[in-house]
Protein backbone atom coordinates (compact mmCIF):
# COMPACT_ATOMS: atom_id res chain seq x y z
CA MET A 1 -14.06 -3.70 13.77
CA GLU A 2 -17.03 -4.27 11.44
CA TRP A 3 -17.31 -2.54 8.09
CA ASP A 4 -19.95 -0.13 9.40
CA SER A 5 -17.26 1.30 11.68
CA CYS A 6 -15.04 2.33 8.77
CA ALA A 7 -17.41 2.73 5.79
CA HIS A 8 -17.29 6.50 6.29
CA LEU A 9 -13.63 6.51 5.19
CA PHE A 10 -14.56 5.57 1.64
CA CYS A 11 -15.71 7.60 -1.36
CA CYS A 12 -17.87 6.22 -4.13
CA PRO A 13 -15.59 5.39 -7.10
CA ARG A 14 -18.47 6.10 -9.49
CA CYS A 15 -19.94 9.43 -8.31
CA GLY A 16 -17.30 10.61 -5.81
CA ALA A 17 -19.73 11.03 -2.91
CA GLU A 18 -18.01 10.89 0.47
CA GLY A 19 -18.93 8.30 3.05
CA LEU A 20 -20.45 4.92 2.23
CA VAL A 21 -22.76 2.86 4.42
CA THR A 22 -23.04 -0.87 4.99
CA ASP A 23 -25.77 -2.70 3.12
CA GLN A 24 -25.78 -6.40 4.02
CA ALA A 25 -22.56 -7.83 2.48
CA ALA A 26 -21.65 -4.62 0.65
CA LEU A 27 -20.95 -0.92 0.98
CA ARG A 28 -23.53 1.36 -0.62
CA CYS A 29 -23.50 4.94 -1.88
CA VAL A 30 -26.39 7.41 -2.00
CA CYS A 31 -26.17 7.21 -5.81
CA GLY A 32 -27.28 3.57 -5.59
CA SER A 33 -23.92 1.97 -6.37
CA ARG A 34 -23.11 -1.12 -4.29
CA TYR A 35 -19.65 -2.58 -3.74
CA PRO A 36 -19.70 -6.20 -2.55
CA ILE A 37 -17.68 -7.63 0.32
CA ARG A 38 -16.81 -11.24 -0.45
CA GLY A 39 -14.41 -13.42 1.48
CA GLY A 40 -13.58 -10.48 3.75
CA ILE A 41 -12.48 -8.32 0.78
CA LEU A 42 -14.22 -5.16 -0.43
CA ARG A 43 -14.39 -5.34 -4.24
CA LEU A 44 -14.10 -1.98 -5.99
CA PRO A 45 -14.14 -1.21 -9.73
CA GLY A 46 -10.93 -0.74 -11.69
CA ALA A 47 -8.79 -3.36 -9.95
CA ARG A 48 -9.85 -6.18 -12.26
CA GLN A 49 -8.55 -4.54 -15.44
CA VAL A 50 -5.88 -6.41 -17.41
CA PRO A 51 -2.38 -5.71 -15.98
CA LYS A 52 -0.32 -3.47 -18.25
CA THR A 53 3.13 -4.89 -17.49
CA LEU A 54 4.89 -8.15 -16.75
CA GLY A 55 5.66 -6.95 -13.23
CA GLN A 56 1.99 -6.24 -12.52
CA SER A 57 0.96 -9.60 -14.01
CA ALA A 58 3.42 -11.43 -11.75
CA MET A 59 1.63 -10.13 -8.66
CA ARG A 60 -1.50 -12.03 -9.79
CA PHE A 61 0.33 -15.28 -10.57
CA ARG A 62 -0.94 -17.69 -7.91
CA PRO A 63 2.24 -19.84 -7.64
CA LEU A 64 4.23 -16.67 -6.88
CA VAL A 65 1.58 -15.51 -4.39
CA LEU A 66 1.99 -18.75 -2.42
CA VAL A 67 5.74 -18.21 -1.91
CA TYR A 68 5.85 -14.40 -1.99
CA ASP A 69 5.68 -13.66 1.74
CA LEU A 70 8.17 -16.21 3.03
CA PHE A 71 10.59 -17.00 0.23
CA TRP A 72 10.45 -14.05 -2.16
CA ARG A 73 9.94 -11.16 0.27
CA ARG A 74 11.87 -12.40 3.31
CA LEU A 75 14.71 -14.35 1.69
CA THR A 76 15.25 -13.13 -1.88
CA PHE A 77 15.00 -9.40 -1.18
CA PRO A 78 17.50 -9.40 1.73
CA PHE A 79 19.94 -11.50 -0.33
CA VAL A 80 19.90 -8.85 -3.07
CA THR A 81 19.86 -5.79 -0.81
CA SER A 82 21.82 -6.94 2.29
CA ILE A 83 19.09 -5.57 4.62
CA PRO A 84 17.41 -8.31 6.70
CA PHE A 85 13.63 -8.20 6.51
CA SER A 86 13.43 -7.64 10.27
CA ARG A 87 15.57 -4.51 9.86
CA GLU A 88 13.38 -3.25 7.02
CA VAL A 89 10.25 -3.67 9.14
CA MET A 90 11.83 -1.92 12.11
CA VAL A 91 12.88 1.09 10.01
CA LEU A 92 9.52 1.57 8.32
CA LEU A 93 7.35 1.10 11.40
CA ALA A 94 9.59 3.37 13.47
CA ALA A 95 9.13 6.17 10.92
CA HIS A 96 5.47 6.55 11.92
CA HIS A 97 5.58 6.96 15.73
CA LEU A 98 2.07 5.49 15.82
CA GLN A 99 -0.23 6.11 18.74
CA GLU A 100 -2.94 3.79 20.06
CA GLY A 101 -6.01 4.05 17.86
CA ALA A 102 -4.22 5.30 14.75
CA ARG A 103 -5.38 4.53 11.21
CA VAL A 104 -2.86 3.26 8.63
CA LEU A 105 -3.30 2.56 4.94
CA ASP A 106 -1.08 -0.19 3.49
CA LEU A 107 -0.98 0.56 -0.22
CA ALA A 108 -0.22 -2.38 -2.56
CA CYS A 109 -0.35 -4.55 0.55
CA GLY A 110 0.17 -7.88 -1.25
CA PRO A 111 -0.41 -10.79 1.14
CA GLY A 112 -0.64 -8.46 4.14
CA THR A 113 3.03 -8.69 5.09
CA TYR A 114 3.03 -5.16 6.52
CA THR A 115 -0.71 -4.80 7.11
CA ARG A 116 -0.58 -7.28 9.98
CA ARG A 117 2.37 -5.49 11.58
CA PHE A 118 0.65 -2.12 11.41
CA ALA A 119 -2.52 -3.67 12.83
CA ALA A 120 -0.50 -4.87 15.81
CA ALA A 121 1.09 -1.42 16.22
CA VAL A 122 -2.15 0.62 16.27
CA GLY A 123 -3.75 -1.34 19.10
CA ALA A 124 -7.30 -2.51 19.67
CA GLY A 125 -8.86 0.85 18.76
CA GLY A 126 -6.85 1.30 15.58
CA LEU A 127 -7.33 0.26 11.98
CA ALA A 128 -5.06 -1.01 9.20
CA VAL A 129 -6.52 -0.98 5.69
CA GLY A 130 -4.74 -3.07 3.07
CA VAL A 131 -5.36 -2.18 -0.59
CA ASP A 132 -4.16 -4.18 -3.58
CA ALA A 133 -5.24 -4.80 -7.17
CA SER A 134 -4.38 -8.50 -6.97
CA LEU A 135 -7.22 -10.67 -5.70
CA PRO A 136 -4.94 -13.72 -5.16
CA MET A 137 -2.68 -11.55 -2.96
CA LEU A 138 -5.64 -10.31 -0.92
CA GLU A 139 -7.07 -13.80 -0.49
CA ARG A 140 -3.70 -14.86 0.84
CA ALA A 141 -3.69 -11.85 3.18
CA VAL A 142 -7.10 -12.74 4.60
CA SER A 143 -6.13 -16.36 5.17
CA SER A 144 -2.87 -15.31 6.87
CA SER A 145 -4.38 -12.81 9.31
CA ARG A 146 -4.41 -14.03 12.89
CA SER A 147 -7.81 -13.97 14.56
CA ALA A 148 -6.55 -11.58 17.25
CA LEU A 149 -5.83 -8.93 14.57
CA CYS A 150 -8.76 -9.54 12.21
CA ALA A 151 -10.94 -6.93 13.90
CA ARG A 152 -8.32 -4.24 13.19
CA ILE A 153 -7.74 -5.12 9.51
CA LYS A 154 -9.82 -4.43 6.42
CA TYR A 155 -8.82 -5.41 2.89
CA ALA A 156 -10.01 -3.81 -0.36
CA GLN A 157 -9.33 -4.75 -3.95
CA ALA A 158 -8.68 -1.50 -5.80
CA GLY A 159 -6.17 0.32 -7.96
CA ALA A 160 -3.48 2.66 -6.70
CA ASP A 161 -5.05 6.05 -7.43
CA LEU A 162 -6.72 6.02 -3.96
CA ARG A 163 -9.73 8.07 -5.03
CA LEU A 164 -11.75 5.61 -2.98
CA PHE A 165 -10.73 7.33 0.29
CA ARG A 166 -11.78 10.64 1.77
CA ASP A 167 -9.07 13.24 2.28
CA SER A 168 -7.11 13.50 5.55
CA GLN A 169 -8.27 10.18 7.02
CA PHE A 170 -5.02 8.31 7.75
CA ASP A 171 -2.25 8.88 10.27
CA GLY A 172 0.11 6.88 8.09
CA VAL A 173 0.44 5.31 4.64
CA ASN A 174 2.87 2.52 3.86
CA CYS A 175 3.91 1.36 0.39
CA ALA A 176 6.65 -1.26 0.67
CA GLY A 177 7.72 -3.02 -2.52
CA ALA A 178 5.40 -1.44 -5.08
CA MET A 179 6.41 2.09 -6.13
CA HIS A 180 8.48 0.59 -8.93
CA LEU A 181 5.36 -1.17 -10.30
CA PHE A 182 3.13 1.90 -10.62
CA ASP A 183 2.41 3.43 -14.03
CA ARG A 184 2.40 6.97 -12.57
CA PRO A 185 4.20 7.14 -9.21
CA ASP A 186 3.80 10.93 -9.10
CA THR A 187 0.02 10.65 -9.34
CA VAL A 188 0.00 8.03 -6.58
CA LEU A 189 2.01 10.37 -4.35
CA ASP A 190 -0.53 13.15 -4.94
CA ARG A 191 -3.35 10.89 -3.73
CA VAL A 192 -1.31 9.62 -0.77
CA LEU A 193 -0.71 13.22 0.30
CA ALA A 194 -4.44 13.89 0.13
CA CYS A 195 -5.31 10.76 2.16
CA LEU A 196 -2.89 11.60 4.97
CA LYS A 197 -3.84 13.74 7.93
CA PRO A 198 -1.67 16.84 8.42
CA GLY A 199 1.61 15.61 9.91
CA GLY A 200 0.95 12.04 8.68
CA ILE A 201 3.81 9.88 7.46
CA LEU A 202 4.34 7.98 4.21
CA SER A 203 6.84 5.14 4.44
CA GLY A 204 7.96 2.61 1.88
CA MET A 205 10.54 0.57 0.06
CA THR A 206 11.50 0.58 -3.61
CA PHE A 207 14.47 -0.21 -5.86
CA CYS A 208 17.32 2.02 -7.03
CA ALA A 209 18.59 2.36 -10.58
CA THR A 210 21.78 0.53 -11.53
CA PRO A 211 24.86 2.22 -13.06
CA LEU A 212 24.06 0.42 -16.33
CA ALA A 213 21.63 2.29 -18.58
CA GLY A 214 20.93 -0.82 -20.65
CA LEU A 215 19.98 -2.84 -17.59
CA ASN A 216 17.69 -0.07 -16.35
CA ALA A 217 16.02 -0.02 -19.77
CA ALA A 218 15.55 -3.80 -19.64
CA PHE A 219 13.79 -3.47 -16.29
CA ARG A 220 11.56 -0.71 -17.71
CA ASN A 221 10.53 -3.06 -20.50
CA THR A 222 9.11 -5.44 -17.87
CA GLY A 223 7.25 -2.58 -16.17
CA LEU A 224 9.72 -1.93 -13.34
CA THR A 225 10.87 1.64 -12.71
CA LEU A 226 14.22 1.84 -10.92
CA PHE A 227 14.63 5.19 -9.17
CA VAL A 228 17.61 7.48 -8.83
CA PRO A 229 17.46 8.26 -5.07
CA GLU A 230 18.17 11.98 -5.47
CA ARG A 231 15.51 12.31 -8.14
CA LEU A 232 12.96 10.43 -6.04
CA GLU A 233 13.61 12.78 -3.13
CA ALA A 234 13.02 15.72 -5.48
CA VAL A 235 9.72 14.20 -6.63
CA PHE A 236 8.56 13.92 -3.00
CA ARG A 237 9.37 17.56 -2.38
CA GLU A 238 7.70 18.65 -5.62
CA ARG A 239 4.53 16.85 -4.56
CA GLY A 240 4.49 18.72 -1.22
CA PHE A 241 6.07 16.29 1.25
CA GLU A 242 8.53 17.41 3.93
CA ASP A 243 11.23 15.77 6.06
CA TYR A 244 12.16 13.20 3.42
CA ARG A 245 14.51 10.49 4.67
CA GLY A 246 16.11 7.76 2.61
CA LEU A 247 18.18 4.74 3.58
CA ARG A 248 19.93 2.98 0.70
CA SER A 249 21.51 -0.45 0.70
CA ARG A 250 22.65 -1.80 -2.65
CA ARG A 251 19.55 -1.69 -4.86
CA MET A 252 17.04 -1.15 -2.02
CA LEU A 253 15.81 2.25 -0.86
CA LEU A 254 13.78 2.66 2.33
CA PHE A 255 12.08 6.05 2.49
CA SER A 256 9.75 8.15 4.61
CA ALA A 257 8.30 11.65 4.32
CA ARG A 258 5.75 13.79 6.16
CA LYS A 259 2.68 15.72 5.08
CA PRO A 260 2.99 19.34 6.27
CA CYS A 261 0.89 20.28 9.28
C-alpha cells in the first residue's frame, strides 16, 4: 500500500486540516506544510524534541535498540513477569477480533515488534501504522519488516498525542510496553479514544506498582510510572472506555478496552 492510499488518515500537525496528499517523497497539506518520507518513515514535527526522562532517552539509545526486540523484549520481560512473549502476543491480538481489511495503529511501536503481527492479522487489504518518537527504533522496524508485509505497514515518527490522525479511523489501537513512559497517559487515552472507530479496541501492556512506596518513587524519578491496576481501570472508565479487561502477572499488566458504539 503506497502512501497515497493512506494519506487521508492524517491531519496536518501545524494547521489541523484533515487529509494530507502525497507530494513526491512527502505528505503535503493545503496550508503548504510538507512532511518528508525518508527511509520509509514519515517524519512529523514534535518527535525530535529532547526526551524528558531517562526512560524516554533509553528508547533512542542505539545499542539498546539493537537488542531490544530479541533480548530485552522477548527474554527479559518474560523473566520478570512470568508471561512468555508468545502468550502476551496471543492475548493482545485476540482482544481485537480483527477482520480482513482492518486498520490498526501501533502506538509507541518501537522496532515494530507488534506492528508486523498486526499487519499479518489484517490481511492484504488491511493496514498497520506504527508510530514512535524514536528514529533509531523506527529504522530498526523498517529493516526488520518482511517484504511480504511491507505493503501493509506504514511507519511515522511522531509524539504520542496522536493529533496527526483524523478521528474514528482505526479498528484497533495497540500500545504494548509504553504507557509507563508517557508524560500524560490520560491525555494519550483521550486521543486514542478519538482515533478509534465506534466499537474499536485498545490493547496494551504496562507495569504494575510494587508494594514498596520508595521503589515506586525511584522508578518515577527515571520517568517510569508504575500503575495500580484498579486505578488504571478507573482511568479508562473516566476517559469513556467500556469493557475493560486486565490480566496481571507479577509486575506486568495486559489490558484491553472498547470504545462505545
